[in-house]
Every structure is written in structure tokens, then in C-alpha cells.
N, C-alpha and C. Protein backbone atom coordinates (compact mmCIF):
# COMPACT_ATOMS: atom_id res chain seq x y z
N UNK A 1 32.13 84.74 149.88
CA UNK A 1 33.38 84.09 150.22
C UNK A 1 33.44 82.77 149.46
N UNK A 2 34.53 82.56 148.76
CA UNK A 2 34.68 81.29 148.05
C UNK A 2 35.44 80.29 148.93
N UNK A 3 35.64 79.10 148.40
CA UNK A 3 36.26 78.03 149.20
C UNK A 3 37.68 78.39 149.64
N UNK A 4 38.48 78.98 148.75
CA UNK A 4 39.85 79.34 149.13
C UNK A 4 39.87 80.39 150.23
N UNK A 5 38.99 81.39 150.14
CA UNK A 5 38.91 82.41 151.19
C UNK A 5 38.46 81.79 152.50
N UNK A 6 37.51 80.86 152.43
CA UNK A 6 37.03 80.18 153.62
C UNK A 6 38.17 79.39 154.27
N UNK A 7 38.94 78.68 153.47
CA UNK A 7 40.06 77.89 153.98
C UNK A 7 41.08 78.80 154.67
N UNK A 8 41.37 79.95 154.07
CA UNK A 8 42.32 80.89 154.68
C UNK A 8 41.82 81.37 156.04
N UNK A 9 40.55 81.74 156.13
CA UNK A 9 39.99 82.21 157.40
C UNK A 9 39.93 81.08 158.43
N UNK A 10 39.58 79.88 157.99
CA UNK A 10 39.55 78.73 158.89
C UNK A 10 40.95 78.44 159.42
N UNK A 11 41.94 78.53 158.56
CA UNK A 11 43.33 78.32 158.95
C UNK A 11 43.75 79.34 160.01
N UNK A 12 43.43 80.61 159.77
CA UNK A 12 43.81 81.67 160.71
C UNK A 12 43.09 81.51 162.05
N UNK A 13 41.84 81.10 162.01
CA UNK A 13 41.03 81.00 163.24
C UNK A 13 41.41 79.78 164.09
N UNK A 14 41.83 78.69 163.44
CA UNK A 14 42.09 77.45 164.17
C UNK A 14 43.57 77.17 164.40
N UNK A 15 44.44 77.86 163.66
CA UNK A 15 45.86 77.58 163.76
C UNK A 15 46.29 76.40 162.91
N UNK A 16 45.36 75.84 162.15
CA UNK A 16 45.71 74.76 161.22
C UNK A 16 46.45 75.34 160.03
N UNK A 17 47.26 74.52 159.40
CA UNK A 17 47.87 74.95 158.14
C UNK A 17 46.75 75.08 157.11
N UNK A 18 47.03 75.76 156.01
CA UNK A 18 46.01 75.86 154.96
C UNK A 18 45.65 74.48 154.42
N UNK A 19 46.66 73.62 154.32
CA UNK A 19 46.39 72.26 153.85
C UNK A 19 45.49 71.52 154.85
N UNK A 20 45.79 71.67 156.14
CA UNK A 20 44.99 71.02 157.17
C UNK A 20 43.56 71.56 157.20
N UNK A 21 43.43 72.88 157.02
CA UNK A 21 42.10 73.50 157.00
C UNK A 21 41.30 73.01 155.80
N UNK A 22 41.95 72.89 154.64
CA UNK A 22 41.26 72.40 153.44
C UNK A 22 40.83 70.95 153.64
N UNK A 23 41.70 70.13 154.24
CA UNK A 23 41.36 68.73 154.50
C UNK A 23 40.19 68.63 155.47
N UNK A 24 40.19 69.49 156.51
CA UNK A 24 39.09 69.48 157.48
C UNK A 24 37.78 69.87 156.81
N UNK A 25 37.82 70.92 156.00
CA UNK A 25 36.61 71.36 155.29
C UNK A 25 36.12 70.27 154.34
N UNK A 26 37.03 69.67 153.59
CA UNK A 26 36.65 68.59 152.67
C UNK A 26 36.05 67.41 153.43
N UNK A 27 36.60 67.11 154.62
CA UNK A 27 36.07 66.01 155.42
C UNK A 27 34.65 66.32 155.90
N UNK A 28 34.42 67.55 156.34
CA UNK A 28 33.08 67.94 156.83
C UNK A 28 32.07 67.91 155.69
N UNK A 29 32.40 68.53 154.56
CA UNK A 29 31.44 68.55 153.45
C UNK A 29 31.22 67.15 152.88
N UNK A 30 32.27 66.35 152.86
CA UNK A 30 32.14 64.97 152.41
C UNK A 30 31.25 64.15 153.33
N UNK A 31 31.41 64.34 154.63
CA UNK A 31 30.59 63.61 155.60
C UNK A 31 29.13 64.03 155.51
N UNK A 32 28.88 65.32 155.33
CA UNK A 32 27.50 65.79 155.16
C UNK A 32 26.89 65.17 153.91
N UNK A 33 27.62 65.21 152.80
CA UNK A 33 27.12 64.64 151.54
C UNK A 33 26.85 63.14 151.67
N UNK A 34 27.78 62.44 152.30
CA UNK A 34 27.64 60.99 152.48
C UNK A 34 26.42 60.66 153.33
N UNK A 35 26.23 61.42 154.41
CA UNK A 35 25.10 61.18 155.31
C UNK A 35 23.77 61.46 154.61
N UNK A 36 23.69 62.57 153.87
CA UNK A 36 22.47 62.91 153.14
C UNK A 36 22.15 61.86 152.08
N UNK A 37 23.19 61.31 151.45
CA UNK A 37 22.96 60.30 150.41
C UNK A 37 22.39 59.01 150.99
N UNK A 38 22.48 58.84 152.31
CA UNK A 38 21.88 57.68 152.99
C UNK A 38 20.49 58.02 153.54
N UNK A 39 19.95 59.17 153.11
CA UNK A 39 18.64 59.65 153.55
C UNK A 39 18.60 59.91 155.05
N UNK A 40 19.70 60.41 155.59
CA UNK A 40 19.78 60.77 157.00
C UNK A 40 20.06 62.27 157.11
N UNK A 41 19.40 62.95 158.06
CA UNK A 41 19.66 64.37 158.25
C UNK A 41 20.95 64.60 159.04
N UNK A 42 21.49 65.81 158.93
CA UNK A 42 22.65 66.22 159.71
C UNK A 42 22.23 67.45 160.50
N UNK A 43 22.18 67.33 161.82
CA UNK A 43 21.77 68.43 162.69
C UNK A 43 22.99 68.97 163.41
N UNK A 44 23.31 70.23 163.15
CA UNK A 44 24.40 70.92 163.83
C UNK A 44 23.73 71.95 164.74
N UNK A 45 23.54 71.59 166.00
CA UNK A 45 22.80 72.42 166.94
C UNK A 45 23.31 73.85 166.95
N UNK A 46 22.39 74.79 166.82
CA UNK A 46 22.74 76.21 166.81
C UNK A 46 23.08 76.72 165.43
N UNK A 47 23.43 75.83 164.51
CA UNK A 47 23.78 76.25 163.15
C UNK A 47 22.63 75.94 162.19
N UNK A 48 22.22 74.68 162.14
CA UNK A 48 21.11 74.33 161.27
C UNK A 48 21.04 72.85 160.97
N UNK A 49 20.12 72.52 160.08
CA UNK A 49 19.87 71.13 159.74
C UNK A 49 19.93 70.95 158.23
N UNK A 50 20.75 70.01 157.80
CA UNK A 50 20.81 69.60 156.40
C UNK A 50 19.97 68.34 156.28
N UNK A 51 19.17 68.26 155.22
CA UNK A 51 18.37 67.05 155.03
C UNK A 51 18.05 66.86 153.56
N UNK A 52 17.86 65.59 153.16
CA UNK A 52 17.40 65.34 151.79
C UNK A 52 15.90 65.66 151.73
N UNK A 53 15.48 66.30 150.66
CA UNK A 53 14.07 66.68 150.53
C UNK A 53 13.58 66.30 149.14
N UNK A 54 12.37 65.76 149.08
CA UNK A 54 11.77 65.38 147.80
C UNK A 54 11.20 66.61 147.11
N UNK A 55 11.43 66.70 145.81
CA UNK A 55 10.86 67.78 145.01
C UNK A 55 9.92 67.16 143.98
N UNK A 56 8.73 67.70 143.88
CA UNK A 56 7.73 67.19 142.94
C UNK A 56 8.14 67.42 141.49
N UNK A 57 7.55 66.61 140.62
CA UNK A 57 7.71 66.83 139.18
C UNK A 57 7.08 68.19 138.85
N UNK A 58 7.67 68.89 137.90
CA UNK A 58 7.10 70.19 137.52
C UNK A 58 7.28 70.44 136.03
N UNK A 59 6.49 71.34 135.53
CA UNK A 59 6.60 71.76 134.13
C UNK A 59 7.20 73.16 134.12
N UNK A 60 8.21 73.36 133.31
CA UNK A 60 8.90 74.65 133.21
C UNK A 60 8.90 75.09 131.76
N UNK A 61 9.29 76.34 131.57
CA UNK A 61 9.41 76.89 130.22
C UNK A 61 10.83 77.37 130.02
N UNK A 62 11.46 76.92 128.94
CA UNK A 62 12.79 77.38 128.59
C UNK A 62 12.65 78.83 128.13
N UNK A 63 13.29 79.79 128.83
CA UNK A 63 13.11 81.20 128.48
C UNK A 63 13.65 81.57 127.10
N UNK A 64 14.60 80.82 126.59
CA UNK A 64 15.17 81.14 125.28
C UNK A 64 14.31 80.62 124.13
N UNK A 65 13.78 79.41 124.29
CA UNK A 65 13.02 78.80 123.19
C UNK A 65 11.52 78.77 123.44
N UNK A 66 11.10 79.08 124.65
CA UNK A 66 9.68 79.01 125.06
C UNK A 66 9.14 77.58 125.03
N UNK A 67 10.02 76.60 124.89
CA UNK A 67 9.59 75.19 124.88
C UNK A 67 9.24 74.75 126.30
N UNK A 68 8.19 73.95 126.40
CA UNK A 68 7.80 73.39 127.70
C UNK A 68 8.72 72.21 128.02
N UNK A 69 9.16 72.16 129.26
CA UNK A 69 10.07 71.11 129.70
C UNK A 69 9.47 70.45 130.94
N UNK A 70 9.47 69.13 130.96
CA UNK A 70 9.02 68.41 132.15
C UNK A 70 10.25 68.09 132.99
N UNK A 71 10.25 68.58 134.21
CA UNK A 71 11.35 68.30 135.13
C UNK A 71 10.88 67.18 136.06
N UNK A 72 11.54 66.03 136.04
CA UNK A 72 11.08 64.89 136.85
C UNK A 72 11.26 65.14 138.35
N UNK A 73 10.52 64.38 139.14
CA UNK A 73 10.68 64.49 140.59
C UNK A 73 12.08 64.03 140.96
N UNK A 74 12.59 64.59 142.03
CA UNK A 74 13.95 64.24 142.44
C UNK A 74 14.15 64.58 143.90
N UNK A 75 15.27 64.13 144.43
CA UNK A 75 15.66 64.43 145.80
C UNK A 75 16.75 65.48 145.74
N UNK A 76 16.60 66.54 146.56
CA UNK A 76 17.57 67.62 146.58
C UNK A 76 18.02 67.86 148.02
N UNK A 77 19.24 68.37 148.22
CA UNK A 77 19.66 68.72 149.57
C UNK A 77 18.97 70.01 150.01
N UNK A 78 18.60 70.07 151.29
CA UNK A 78 17.95 71.26 151.83
C UNK A 78 18.66 71.66 153.13
N UNK A 79 18.58 72.94 153.45
CA UNK A 79 19.18 73.44 154.68
C UNK A 79 18.18 74.33 155.39
N UNK A 80 17.99 74.09 156.68
CA UNK A 80 17.13 74.94 157.50
C UNK A 80 18.02 75.54 158.59
N UNK A 81 18.18 76.87 158.59
CA UNK A 81 19.06 77.48 159.58
C UNK A 81 18.50 77.35 161.00
N UNK A 82 19.41 77.22 161.96
CA UNK A 82 19.03 77.15 163.36
C UNK A 82 18.78 78.53 163.94
N UNK A 83 18.19 78.57 165.12
CA UNK A 83 17.83 79.84 165.76
C UNK A 83 19.04 80.73 165.98
N UNK A 84 20.14 80.17 166.46
CA UNK A 84 21.33 80.98 166.74
C UNK A 84 21.86 81.64 165.46
N UNK A 85 21.87 80.91 164.36
CA UNK A 85 22.33 81.46 163.09
C UNK A 85 21.39 82.56 162.61
N UNK A 86 20.08 82.32 162.68
CA UNK A 86 19.11 83.33 162.26
C UNK A 86 19.22 84.58 163.12
N UNK A 87 19.39 84.40 164.43
CA UNK A 87 19.51 85.55 165.33
C UNK A 87 20.76 86.37 165.02
N UNK A 88 21.88 85.70 164.78
CA UNK A 88 23.12 86.42 164.49
C UNK A 88 23.01 87.22 163.19
N UNK A 89 22.46 86.61 162.17
CA UNK A 89 22.29 87.31 160.90
C UNK A 89 21.32 88.48 161.08
N UNK A 90 20.25 88.26 161.82
CA UNK A 90 19.26 89.31 162.06
C UNK A 90 19.82 90.50 162.83
N UNK A 91 20.77 90.26 163.72
CA UNK A 91 21.39 91.35 164.49
C UNK A 91 22.35 92.16 163.63
N UNK A 92 23.02 91.51 162.69
CA UNK A 92 24.09 92.17 161.93
C UNK A 92 23.66 92.72 160.58
N UNK A 93 22.55 92.24 160.03
CA UNK A 93 22.15 92.66 158.68
C UNK A 93 20.71 93.16 158.69
N UNK A 94 20.40 94.02 157.74
CA UNK A 94 19.07 94.58 157.60
C UNK A 94 18.60 94.46 156.15
N UNK A 95 17.29 94.52 155.97
CA UNK A 95 16.72 94.55 154.63
C UNK A 95 16.63 96.01 154.22
N UNK A 96 17.17 96.34 153.05
CA UNK A 96 17.10 97.70 152.52
C UNK A 96 16.48 97.66 151.13
N UNK A 97 15.90 98.78 150.73
CA UNK A 97 15.30 98.85 149.40
C UNK A 97 16.15 99.76 148.53
N UNK A 98 16.57 99.21 147.39
CA UNK A 98 17.37 99.97 146.43
C UNK A 98 16.70 99.85 145.07
N UNK A 99 16.37 100.95 144.49
CA UNK A 99 15.75 100.98 143.15
C UNK A 99 14.52 100.06 143.08
N UNK A 100 13.73 100.06 144.15
CA UNK A 100 12.51 99.25 144.16
C UNK A 100 12.72 97.78 144.43
N UNK A 101 13.96 97.37 144.72
CA UNK A 101 14.26 95.96 145.01
C UNK A 101 14.73 95.82 146.44
N UNK A 102 14.37 94.72 147.07
CA UNK A 102 14.85 94.44 148.42
C UNK A 102 16.21 93.78 148.35
N UNK A 103 17.12 94.25 149.19
CA UNK A 103 18.47 93.70 149.25
C UNK A 103 18.89 93.60 150.70
N UNK A 104 19.98 92.89 150.94
CA UNK A 104 20.55 92.78 152.27
C UNK A 104 21.62 93.85 152.41
N UNK A 105 21.55 94.61 153.49
CA UNK A 105 22.55 95.65 153.74
C UNK A 105 22.91 95.66 155.21
N UNK A 106 23.82 96.54 155.58
CA UNK A 106 24.24 96.64 156.99
C UNK A 106 23.48 97.74 157.69
């Protein structure tokens, strides 16, 4: 689902206009981004926790040129799903194997 599809479903579910739903979504994502940029976590009980997380410096290889690249340490956003979200996904979806690969199926 992309942002426009999400806005349409949010609009239908809440009774907000599409413009109002887009503004609400932008406000929520903006607030999460702003809070994380202050090194503060965002806990949405039952849904999950967004937090800034430190990533170590690493060495990578460019697959096209085989050149070694040093990736500096940095802070990245992280998300840990809550129990209610994990339970809902676990009830509705299953792991299936297709052509030797694991995929998500119904």
C-alpha cells in the first residue's frame, strides 16, 4: 500500500476528507520524525516502538565494481513491533515456501 492508498483508506475509516486524512498522516509522521531527531523514542502501545539506533561503521563491497567501501557509523530509525501487532500478523499470515524461498502467504 502506498501513501495515496493509505490516505484513501484512512479517509474512509475515519470520515475525514482525503485532504484531512493526508494532513493527519503528515502530522503523525512529522511528529515521529521530529521526536526521533531529538533522540527520544515513540511508543505506541499495542503497535510498536520507534527509536533512533546507532549503527556501527562497516566495510562493504560495491557489487558492480567490487571496490571496498567504508560506510561510517550513523544513527538510523528503528521500529520494534508490539505484541498486538505481531499477534495480528501471525493470525492472518503464514510462511510458505515457493521455489526454495520463504515468502509470506495467506
